C-alpha atoms as a PDB file:
ATOM      1  CA  UNK A   1       0.000   0.000   0.000  1.00  0.00           C
ATOM      2  CA  UNK A   2       1.381   3.383  -0.957  1.00  0.00           C
ATOM      3  CA  UNK A   3       2.081   5.812   1.819  1.00  0.00           C
ATOM      4  CA  UNK A   4       2.300   9.578   1.709  1.00  0.00           C
ATOM      5  CA  UNK A   5       5.739   9.558   3.310  1.00  0.00           C
ATOM      6  CA  UNK A   6       7.172   7.163   0.734  1.00  0.00           C
ATOM      7  CA  UNK A   7       8.721   9.723  -1.585  1.00  0.00           C
ATOM      8  CA  UNK A   8      12.372  10.194  -0.837  1.00  0.00           C
ATOM      9  CA  UNK A   9      12.314  13.979  -0.694  1.00  0.00           C
ATOM     10  CA  UNK A  10       9.430  14.143   1.751  1.00  0.00           C
ATOM     11  CA  UNK A  11       9.779  14.180   5.509  1.00  0.00           C
ATOM     12  CA  UNK A  12       9.477  10.743   7.134  1.00  0.00           C
ATOM     13  CA  UNK A  13       8.602  12.146  10.515  1.00  0.00           C
ATOM     14  CA  UNK A  14       7.890  15.548  11.979  1.00  0.00           C
ATOM     15  CA  UNK A  15      11.367  15.470  13.543  1.00  0.00           C
ATOM     16  CA  UNK A  16      13.543  13.544  11.069  1.00  0.00           C
ATOM     17  CA  UNK A  17      14.295  14.096   7.411  1.00  0.00           C
ATOM     18  CA  UNK A  18      16.619  11.992   5.280  1.00  0.00           C
ATOM     19  CA  UNK A  19      19.493  14.020   3.929  1.00  0.00           C
ATOM     20  CA  UNK A  20      19.979  13.985   0.191  1.00  0.00           C
ATOM     21  CA  UNK A  21      23.175  12.560  -1.224  1.00  0.00           C
ATOM     22  CA  UNK A  22      25.594  15.247  -2.412  1.00  0.00           C
ATOM     23  CA  UNK A  23      26.110  15.434  -6.136  1.00  0.00           C
ATOM     24  CA  UNK A  24      29.585  14.371  -7.269  1.00  0.00           C
ATOM     25  CA  UNK A  25      31.873  17.247  -8.169  1.00  0.00           C
ATOM     26  CA  UNK A  26      35.277  17.391  -9.777  1.00  0.00           C
ATOM     27  CA  UNK A  27      38.059  18.173  -7.286  1.00  0.00           C
ATOM     28  CA  UNK A  28      39.274  21.743  -7.406  1.00  0.00           C
ATOM     29  CA  UNK A  29      42.826  22.111  -8.700  1.00  0.00           C
ATOM     30  CA  UNK A  30      44.827  25.214  -7.781  1.00  0.00           C
ATOM     31  CA  UNK A  31      47.428  26.387 -10.288  1.00  0.00           C
ATOM     32  CA  UNK A  32      48.649  29.435  -8.376  1.00  0.00           C
ATOM     33  CA  UNK A  33      50.193  30.225  -5.018  1.00  0.00           C
ATOM     34  CA  UNK A  34      47.767  29.976  -2.109  1.00  0.00           C
ATOM     35  CA  UNK A  35      47.929  31.853   1.172  1.00  0.00           C
ATOM     36  CA  UNK A  36      46.647  29.856   4.132  1.00  0.00           C
ATOM     37  CA  UNK A  37      44.684  32.206   6.355  1.00  0.00           C
ATOM     38  CA  UNK A  38      43.333  29.696   8.913  1.00  0.00           C
ATOM     39  CA  UNK A  39      44.523  26.454  10.441  1.00  0.00           C
ATOM     40  CA  UNK A  40      42.416  23.289  10.256  1.00  0.00           C
ATOM     41  CA  UNK A  41      40.140  22.790  13.229  1.00  0.00           C
ATOM     42  CA  UNK A  42      39.313  19.542  14.985  1.00  0.00           C
ATOM     43  CA  UNK A  43      35.988  17.929  14.267  1.00  0.00           C
ATOM     44  CA  UNK A  44      33.116  19.792  15.891  1.00  0.00           C
ATOM     45  CA  UNK A  45      31.259  17.958  18.682  1.00  0.00           C
ATOM     46  CA  UNK A  46      27.872  16.487  17.940  1.00  0.00           C
ATOM     47  CA  UNK A  47      24.905  18.801  18.272  1.00  0.00           C
ATOM     48  CA  UNK A  48      22.824  17.617  21.257  1.00  0.00           C
ATOM     49  CA  UNK A  49      19.114  17.053  20.935  1.00  0.00           C
ATOM     50  CA  UNK A  50      17.079  20.189  21.661  1.00  0.00           C
ATOM     51  CA  UNK A  51      15.242  18.597  24.617  1.00  0.00           C
ATOM     52  CA  UNK A  52      16.050  15.726  26.964  1.00  0.00           C
ATOM     53  CA  UNK A  53      14.770  12.330  25.888  1.00  0.00           C
ATOM     54  CA  UNK A  54      12.679  10.542  28.531  1.00  0.00           C
ATOM     55  CA  UNK A  55      13.150   6.829  28.864  1.00  0.00           C
ATOM     56  CA  UNK A  56      10.143   4.559  28.450  1.00  0.00           C
ATOM     57  CA  UNK A  57      10.153   3.697  32.151  1.00  0.00           C
ATOM     58  CA  UNK A  58      10.301   7.371  33.075  1.00  0.00           C
ATOM     59  CA  UNK A  59      13.020   6.639  35.636  1.00  0.00           C
ATOM     60  CA  UNK A  60      15.434   9.253  34.339  1.00  0.00           C
ATOM     61  CA  UNK A  61      16.214  11.550  31.461  1.00  0.00           C
ATOM     62  CA  UNK A  62      19.392  11.979  29.493  1.00  0.00           C
ATOM     63  CA  UNK A  63      20.801  13.835  26.501  1.00  0.00           C
ATOM     64  CA  UNK A  64      22.706  11.459  24.207  1.00  0.00           C
ATOM     65  CA  UNK A  65      26.276  12.501  23.434  1.00  0.00           C
ATOM     66  CA  UNK A  66      26.373  10.455  20.232  1.00  0.00           C
ATOM     67  CA  UNK A  67      23.678   9.279  17.884  1.00  0.00           C
ATOM     68  CA  UNK A  68      23.429   5.621  18.812  1.00  0.00           C
ATOM     69  CA  UNK A  69      23.097   6.479  22.529  1.00  0.00           C
ATOM     70  CA  UNK A  70      19.414   7.025  21.686  1.00  0.00           C
ATOM     71  CA  UNK A  71      19.090   3.221  21.808  1.00  0.00           C
ATOM     72  CA  UNK A  72      19.989   3.043  25.502  1.00  0.00           C
ATOM     73  CA  UNK A  73      17.214   1.939  27.890  1.00  0.00           C
ATOM     74  CA  UNK A  74      14.751   1.176  25.082  1.00  0.00           C
ATOM     75  CA  UNK A  75      12.991  -2.191  25.528  1.00  0.00           C
ATOM     76  CA  UNK A  76      12.467  -2.535  21.772  1.00  0.00           C
ATOM     77  CA  UNK A  77      12.753  -0.778  18.413  1.00  0.00           C
ATOM     78  CA  UNK A  78      10.719  -1.253  15.245  1.00  0.00           C
ATOM     79  CA  UNK A  79      11.959  -0.875  11.672  1.00  0.00           C
ATOM     80  CA  UNK A  80       9.424   0.282   9.088  1.00  0.00           C
ATOM     81  CA  UNK A  81      10.203   0.482   5.388  1.00  0.00           C
ATOM     82  CA  UNK A  82       8.814   3.342   3.340  1.00  0.00           C
ATOM     83  CA  UNK A  83       8.062   2.485  -0.277  1.00  0.00           C
ATOM     84  CA  UNK A  84       9.192   4.616  -3.175  1.00  0.00           C
ATOM     85  CA  UNK A  85       6.413   5.851  -5.449  1.00  0.00           C
ATOM     86  CA  UNK A  86       8.559   5.345  -8.545  1.00  0.00           C
ATOM     87  CA  UNK A  87       9.334   1.740  -7.562  1.00  0.00           C
ATOM     88  CA  UNK A  88       5.662   0.948  -6.955  1.00  0.00           C
ATOM     89  CA  UNK A  89       4.587   2.352 -10.330  1.00  0.00           C
ATOM     90  CA  UNK A  90       7.414   1.122 -12.531  1.00  0.00           C
ATOM     91  CA  UNK A  91       8.701  -1.985 -10.723  1.00  0.00           C
ATOM     92  CA  UNK A  92      12.284  -0.656 -10.945  1.00  0.00           C
ATOM     93  CA  UNK A  93      14.194  -1.255  -7.725  1.00  0.00           C
ATOM     94  CA  UNK A  94      15.233   1.920  -5.930  1.00  0.00           C
ATOM     95  CA  UNK A  95      17.282   2.716  -2.849  1.00  0.00           C
ATOM     96  CA  UNK A  96      15.448   1.585   0.274  1.00  0.00           C
ATOM     97  CA  UNK A  97      14.329   3.938   3.027  1.00  0.00           C
ATOM     98  CA  UNK A  98      13.426   3.002   6.600  1.00  0.00           C
ATOM     99  CA  UNK A  99      12.321   4.607   9.843  1.00  0.00           C
ATOM    100  CA  UNK A 100      13.488   3.169  13.163  1.00  0.00           C
ATOM    101  CA  UNK A 101      10.891   3.846  15.870  1.00  0.00           C
ATOM    102  CA  UNK A 102      10.698   3.488  19.645  1.00  0.00           C
ATOM    103  CA  UNK A 103       7.928   1.475  21.360  1.00  0.00           C
ATOM    104  CA  UNK A 104       5.952   4.722  21.669  1.00  0.00           C
ATOM    105  CA  UNK A 105       6.108   5.272  17.909  1.00  0.00           C
ATOM    106  CA  UNK A 106       8.641   8.119  18.006  1.00  0.00           C
ATOM    107  CA  UNK A 107      11.141   8.182  15.142  1.00  0.00           C
ATOM    108  CA  UNK A 108      14.681   7.524  16.407  1.00  0.00           C
ATOM    109  CA  UNK A 109      16.546   7.212  13.108  1.00  0.00           C
ATOM    110  CA  UNK A 110      15.827   7.736   9.438  1.00  0.00           C
ATOM    111  CA  UNK A 111      17.759   5.144   7.416  1.00  0.00           C
ATOM    112  CA  UNK A 112      18.702   5.853   3.806  1.00  0.00           C
ATOM    113  CA  UNK A 113      20.380   3.348   1.475  1.00  0.00           C
ATOM    114  CA  UNK A 114      23.146   4.474  -0.864  1.00  0.00           C
ATOM    115  CA  UNK A 115      23.795   2.151  -3.820  1.00  0.00           C
ATOM    116  CA  UNK A 116      24.195   2.307  -7.590  1.00  0.00           C
ATOM    117  CA  UNK A 117      21.402   1.565 -10.045  1.00  0.00           C
ATOM    118  CA  UNK A 118      23.648  -0.961 -11.788  1.00  0.00           C
ATOM    119  CA  UNK A 119      24.153  -2.990  -8.605  1.00  0.00           C
ATOM    120  CA  UNK A 120      20.438  -2.918  -7.813  1.00  0.00           C
ATOM    121  CA  UNK A 121      19.558  -4.224 -11.276  1.00  0.00           C
ATOM    122  CA  UNK A 122      22.310  -6.873 -11.434  1.00  0.00           C
ATOM    123  CA  UNK A 123      22.506  -8.208  -7.900  1.00  0.00           C
ATOM    124  CA  UNK A 124      19.098  -7.501  -6.355  1.00  0.00           C
ATOM    125  CA  UNK A 125      19.032  -7.903  -2.577  1.00  0.00           C
ATOM    126  CA  UNK A 126      22.610  -9.245  -2.607  1.00  0.00           C
ATOM    127  CA  UNK A 127      23.900  -5.857  -3.753  1.00  0.00           C
ATOM    128  CA  UNK A 128      26.588  -3.898  -1.907  1.00  0.00           C
ATOM    129  CA  UNK A 129      25.345  -0.727  -0.233  1.00  0.00           C
ATOM    130  CA  UNK A 130      25.792   1.772   2.562  1.00  0.00           C
ATOM    131  CA  UNK A 131      22.932   2.493   4.937  1.00  0.00           C
ATOM    132  CA  UNK A 132      23.098   5.925   6.597  1.00  0.00           C
ATOM    133  CA  UNK A 133      21.137   6.412   9.819  1.00  0.00           C
ATOM    134  CA  UNK A 134      20.371  10.011  10.807  1.00  0.00           C
ATOM    135  CA  UNK A 135      19.150  10.994  14.252  1.00  0.00           C
ATOM    136  CA  UNK A 136      16.783  13.806  15.222  1.00  0.00           C
ATOM    137  CA  UNK A 137      19.530  16.401  14.920  1.00  0.00           C
ATOM    138  CA  UNK A 138      19.956  15.401  11.222  1.00  0.00           C
ATOM    139  CA  UNK A 139      23.442  14.116  12.023  1.00  0.00           C
ATOM    140  CA  UNK A 140      24.771  10.743  10.940  1.00  0.00           C
ATOM    141  CA  UNK A 141      24.597   8.352  13.891  1.00  0.00           C
ATOM    142  CA  UNK A 142      25.443   4.998  12.285  1.00  0.00           C
ATOM    143  CA  UNK A 143      26.537   3.642   8.917  1.00  0.00           C
ATOM    144  CA  UNK A 144      25.996   0.045   7.800  1.00  0.00           C
ATOM    145  CA  UNK A 145      28.203  -1.234   4.985  1.00  0.00           C
ATOM    146  CA  UNK A 146      27.431  -4.458   3.153  1.00  0.00           C
ATOM    147  CA  UNK A 147      29.645  -6.080   0.537  1.00  0.00           C
ATOM    148  CA  UNK A 148      28.446  -7.930  -2.535  1.00  0.00           C
ATOM    149  CA  UNK A 149      26.910 -11.302  -1.693  1.00  0.00           C
ATOM    150  CA  UNK A 150      24.559 -12.896  -4.187  1.00  0.00           C
ATOM    151  CA  UNK A 151      21.160 -13.670  -2.727  1.00  0.00           C
ATOM    152  CA  UNK A 152      20.666 -16.702  -4.972  1.00  0.00           C
ATOM    153  CA  UNK A 153      23.974 -18.311  -3.907  1.00  0.00           C
ATOM    154  CA  UNK A 154      23.453 -18.865  -0.207  1.00  0.00           C
ATOM    155  CA  UNK A 155      26.736 -20.757   0.137  1.00  0.00           C
ATOM    156  CA  UNK A 156      28.481 -17.385  -0.082  1.00  0.00           C
ATOM    157  CA  UNK A 157      28.763 -15.894   3.453  1.00  0.00           C
ATOM    158  CA  UNK A 158      27.131 -12.528   3.974  1.00  0.00           C
ATOM    159  CA  UNK A 159      28.456  -9.829   6.256  1.00  0.00           C
ATOM    160  CA  UNK A 160      27.679  -6.283   7.321  1.00  0.00           C
ATOM    161  CA  UNK A 161      29.906  -3.737   9.081  1.00  0.00           C
ATOM    162  CA  UNK A 162      28.613  -1.223  11.626  1.00  0.00           C
ATOM    163  CA  UNK A 163      30.419   2.140  11.589  1.00  0.00           C
ATOM    164  CA  UNK A 164      30.109   5.362  13.553  1.00  0.00           C
ATOM    165  CA  UNK A 165      31.305   8.814  12.436  1.00  0.00           C
ATOM    166  CA  UNK A 166      33.913   9.980  11.622  1.00  0.00           C
ATOM    167  CA  UNK A 167      35.067   6.522  10.488  1.00  0.00           C
ATOM    168  CA  UNK A 168      35.309   4.043  13.350  1.00  0.00           C
ATOM    169  CA  UNK A 169      34.118   0.449  13.144  1.00  0.00           C
ATOM    170  CA  UNK A 170      31.949  -0.778  16.022  1.00  0.00           C
ATOM    171  CA  UNK A 171      31.734  -4.357  14.799  1.00  0.00           C
ATOM    172  CA  UNK A 172      30.367  -6.632  12.125  1.00  0.00           C
ATOM    173  CA  UNK A 173      27.754  -9.300  11.508  1.00  0.00           C
ATOM    174  CA  UNK A 174      29.035 -12.437   9.757  1.00  0.00           C
ATOM    175  CA  UNK A 175      27.032 -15.386   8.462  1.00  0.00           C
ATOM    176  CA  UNK A 176      27.973 -18.860   9.701  1.00  0.00           C
ATOM    177  CA  UNK A 177      27.936 -21.696   7.112  1.00  0.00           C
ATOM    178  CA  UNK A 178      25.226 -23.871   8.674  1.00  0.00           C
ATOM    179  CA  UNK A 179      22.739 -26.177   6.950  1.00  0.00           C
ATOM    180  CA  UNK A 180      19.926 -26.739   9.450  1.00  0.00           C
ATOM    181  CA  UNK A 181      19.071 -23.130  10.330  1.00  0.00           C
ATOM    182  CA  UNK A 182      20.313 -19.586   9.606  1.00  0.00           C
ATOM    183  CA  UNK A 183      23.066 -18.537  12.000  1.00  0.00           C
ATOM    184  CA  UNK A 184      25.091 -15.337  12.309  1.00  0.00           C
ATOM    185  CA  UNK A 185      27.755 -14.043  14.667  1.00  0.00           C
ATOM    186  CA  UNK A 186      28.000 -10.448  15.866  1.00  0.00           C
ATOM    187  CA  UNK A 187      31.652  -9.525  16.397  1.00  0.00           C
ATOM    188  CA  UNK A 188      33.072  -6.655  18.436  1.00  0.00           C
ATOM    189  CA  UNK A 189      35.714  -4.733  16.502  1.00  0.00           C
ATOM    190  CA  UNK A 190      37.802  -3.930  19.601  1.00  0.00           C
ATOM    191  CA  UNK A 191      38.270  -7.605  20.528  1.00  0.00           C
ATOM    192  CA  UNK A 192      37.606  -9.316  17.212  1.00  0.00           C
ATOM    193  CA  UNK A 193      35.629 -11.983  19.067  1.00  0.00           C
ATOM    194  CA  UNK A 194      31.943 -12.924  18.664  1.00  0.00           C
ATOM    195  CA  UNK A 195      29.765 -11.377  21.362  1.00  0.00           C
ATOM    196  CA  UNK A 196      26.345 -12.602  20.176  1.00  0.00           C
ATOM    197  CA  UNK A 197      24.965 -15.478  18.158  1.00  0.00           C
ATOM    198  CA  UNK A 198      21.862 -14.941  16.012  1.00  0.00           C
ATOM    199  CA  UNK A 199      19.847 -18.095  15.305  1.00  0.00           C
ATOM    200  CA  UNK A 200      16.912 -18.369  12.933  1.00  0.00           C
ATOM    201  CA  UNK A 201      14.045 -20.880  12.825  1.00  0.00           C
ATOM    202  CA  UNK A 202      15.108 -24.497  13.258  1.00  0.00           C
ATOM    203  CA  UNK A 203      14.944 -26.875  10.286  1.00  0.00           C
ATOM    204  CA  UNK A 204      14.482 -23.979   7.887  1.00  0.00           C
ATOM    205  CA  UNK A 205      17.347 -25.065   5.649  1.00  0.00           C
ATOM    206  CA  UNK A 206      20.355 -23.169   4.355  1.00  0.00           C
ATOM    207  CA  UNK A 207      18.496 -21.682   1.393  1.00  0.00           C
ATOM    208  CA  UNK A 208      17.611 -17.985   1.652  1.00  0.00           C
ATOM    209  CA  UNK A 209      14.215 -18.671   0.059  1.00  0.00           C
ATOM    210  CA  UNK A 210      13.000 -21.170   2.675  1.00  0.00           C
ATOM    211  CA  UNK A 211      12.095 -18.758   5.472  1.00  0.00           C
ATOM    212  CA  UNK A 212       8.472 -17.618   5.808  1.00  0.00           C
ATOM    213  CA  UNK A 213       7.592 -13.942   5.720  1.00  0.00           C
ATOM    214  CA  UNK A 214       6.865 -14.067   9.438  1.00  0.00           C
ATOM    215  CA  UNK A 215       9.690 -15.621  11.434  1.00  0.00           C
ATOM    216  CA  UNK A 216      11.695 -15.273  14.642  1.00  0.00           C
ATOM    217  CA  UNK A 217      15.428 -14.992  15.406  1.00  0.00           C
ATOM    218  CA  UNK A 218      17.031 -15.512  18.812  1.00  0.00           C
ATOM    219  CA  UNK A 219      20.091 -13.531  19.935  1.00  0.00           C
ATOM    220  CA  UNK A 220      22.057 -15.086  22.781  1.00  0.00           C
ATOM    221  CA  UNK A 221      25.511 -15.214  24.334  1.00  0.00           C
ATOM    222  CA  UNK A 222      26.879 -17.611  26.921  1.00  0.00           C
ATOM    223  CA  UNK A 223      23.648 -19.580  26.820  1.00  0.00           C
ATOM    224  CA  UNK A 224      21.591 -16.577  27.929  1.00  0.00           C
ATOM    225  CA  UNK A 225      18.884 -14.913  25.845  1.00  0.00           C
ATOM    226  CA  UNK A 226      19.884 -11.284  25.224  1.00  0.00           C
ATOM    227  CA  UNK A 227      17.515 -10.087  22.487  1.00  0.00           C
ATOM    228  CA  UNK A 228      15.277 -11.270  19.661  1.00  0.00           C
ATOM    229  CA  UNK A 229      14.294 -10.165  16.162  1.00  0.00           C
ATOM    230  CA  UNK A 230      11.050 -10.962  14.407  1.00  0.00           C
ATOM    231  CA  UNK A 231       9.374  -9.997  11.156  1.00  0.00           C
ATOM    232  CA  UNK A 232       5.607  -9.645  11.425  1.00  0.00           C
ATOM    233  CA  UNK A 233       2.619  -8.250   9.592  1.00  0.00           C
ATOM    234  CA  UNK A 234       1.374  -5.013  11.140  1.00  0.00           C
ATOM    235  CA  UNK A 235      -2.349  -4.902  10.438  1.00  0.00           C
ATOM    236  CA  UNK A 236      -2.770  -1.306  11.619  1.00  0.00           C
ATOM    237  CA  UNK A 237      -0.399  -0.068   8.890  1.00  0.00           C
ATOM    238  CA  UNK A 238      -0.913  -2.878   6.363  1.00  0.00           C
ATOM    239  CA  UNK A 239       2.786  -3.627   6.129  1.00  0.00           C
ATOM    240  CA  UNK A 240       5.519  -5.856   7.516  1.00  0.00           C
ATOM    241  CA  UNK A 241       7.816  -4.570  10.248  1.00  0.00           C
ATOM    242  CA  UNK A 242      11.091  -5.874  11.645  1.00  0.00           C
ATOM    243  CA  UNK A 243      11.028  -5.719  15.446  1.00  0.00           C
ATOM    244  CA  UNK A 244      13.933  -5.943  17.899  1.00  0.00           C
ATOM    245  CA  UNK A 245      13.223  -6.811  21.535  1.00  0.00           C
ATOM    246  CA  UNK A 246      16.044  -6.279  24.039  1.00  0.00           C
ATOM    247  CA  UNK A 247      15.505  -8.969  26.671  1.00  0.00           C
ATOM    248  CA  UNK A 248      18.585  -7.987  28.676  1.00  0.00           C
ATOM    249  CA  UNK A 249      18.190  -4.510  30.174  1.00  0.00           C
ATOM    250  CA  UNK A 250      21.966  -4.390  30.801  1.00  0.00           C
ATOM    251  CA  UNK A 251      22.779  -4.225  27.086  1.00  0.00           C
ATOM    252  CA  UNK A 252      24.912  -1.186  26.310  1.00  0.00           C
ATOM    253  CA  UNK A 253      24.090   1.290  23.557  1.00  0.00           C
ATOM    254  CA  UNK A 254      26.982  -0.120  21.513  1.00  0.00           C
ATOM    255  CA  UNK A 255      25.642  -3.675  21.797  1.00  0.00           C
ATOM    256  CA  UNK A 256      22.176  -2.481  20.811  1.00  0.00           C
ATOM    257  CA  UNK A 257      23.652  -0.738  17.757  1.00  0.00           C
ATOM    258  CA  UNK A 258      25.348  -3.993  16.712  1.00  0.00           C
ATOM    259  CA  UNK A 259      22.047  -5.871  17.094  1.00  0.00           C
ATOM    260  CA  UNK A 260      20.313  -3.178  15.032  1.00  0.00           C
ATOM    261  CA  UNK A 261      22.863  -3.773  12.273  1.00  0.00           C
ATOM    262  CA  UNK A 262      22.121  -7.502  12.309  1.00  0.00           C
ATOM    263  CA  UNK A 263      18.409  -6.730  11.896  1.00  0.00           C
ATOM    264  CA  UNK A 264      19.117  -4.731   8.727  1.00  0.00           C
ATOM    265  CA  UNK A 265      21.233  -7.578   7.328  1.00  0.00           C
ATOM    266  CA  UNK A 266      18.384 -10.033   7.956  1.00  0.00           C
ATOM    267  CA  UNK A 267      15.973  -7.585   6.332  1.00  0.00           C
ATOM    268  CA  UNK A 268      17.908  -7.713   3.051  1.00  0.00           C
ATOM    269  CA  UNK A 269      18.681 -11.433   3.127  1.00  0.00           C
ATOM    270  CA  UNK A 270      15.228 -12.799   3.910  1.00  0.00           C
ATOM    271  CA  UNK A 271      12.502 -10.178   3.760  1.00  0.00           C
ATOM    272  CA  UNK A 272      13.209  -8.110   0.650  1.00  0.00           C
ATOM    273  CA  UNK A 273      11.746  -8.893  -2.774  1.00  0.00           C
ATOM    274  CA  UNK A 274      13.470 -11.930  -4.291  1.00  0.00           C
ATOM    275  CA  UNK A 275      14.823 -12.044  -7.820  1.00  0.00           C
END
């Protein structure tokens, strides 16, 4: 079903708008002597949110110092895809757009895919891309980077990297070559070791086409359930949503950001249009 907020240039939420990609420009070449009048400055600190954000429990308030700190203390987040009008009318695949919402329905991030038309036409959901997540201050909070991995050749491991500005890697999500059920590992960049295991439905096979549209993934570590991801039909909006439930309240904002990245990887591998 078409939605009014589906067009890329329109505002997804009253507080978040997806930034447009800058048009490529030729680098400027100087052929004369240049006088340097100012020294380079260090990167400016992030702009804080205009008002404190209240937690769902109402126990305290805080102002996040960086974009992904908005995930702290949230019991769950919900990922909704907005459909492009051009894609619905012509059937030509376009860059995907999403809104990440809190349990109260507030928009936390606006997610905007960056990929080439050639890769979308040739590789479908297995295409390489960058996913930029902007917070309410219109600043980039997270970047997800996925390399080429063909959706029709499931024996090829898939992976996704989670970055934060100005260019630091938080971690990555890597597919495990299993045959009985989908399995992924979430690795911390600082240690290089897996911190979470993501398991899909049992006896679902290794093929990417075998999972139903509504399914459930468990996220655990050390034998303890830490979070879960499911993909369900939302009757009130007549669309599917990907939902993340943080079972462990002690999860840090960094760990929640890594789990959010795994949810986006699952979204492309199992829940996007097949080709």
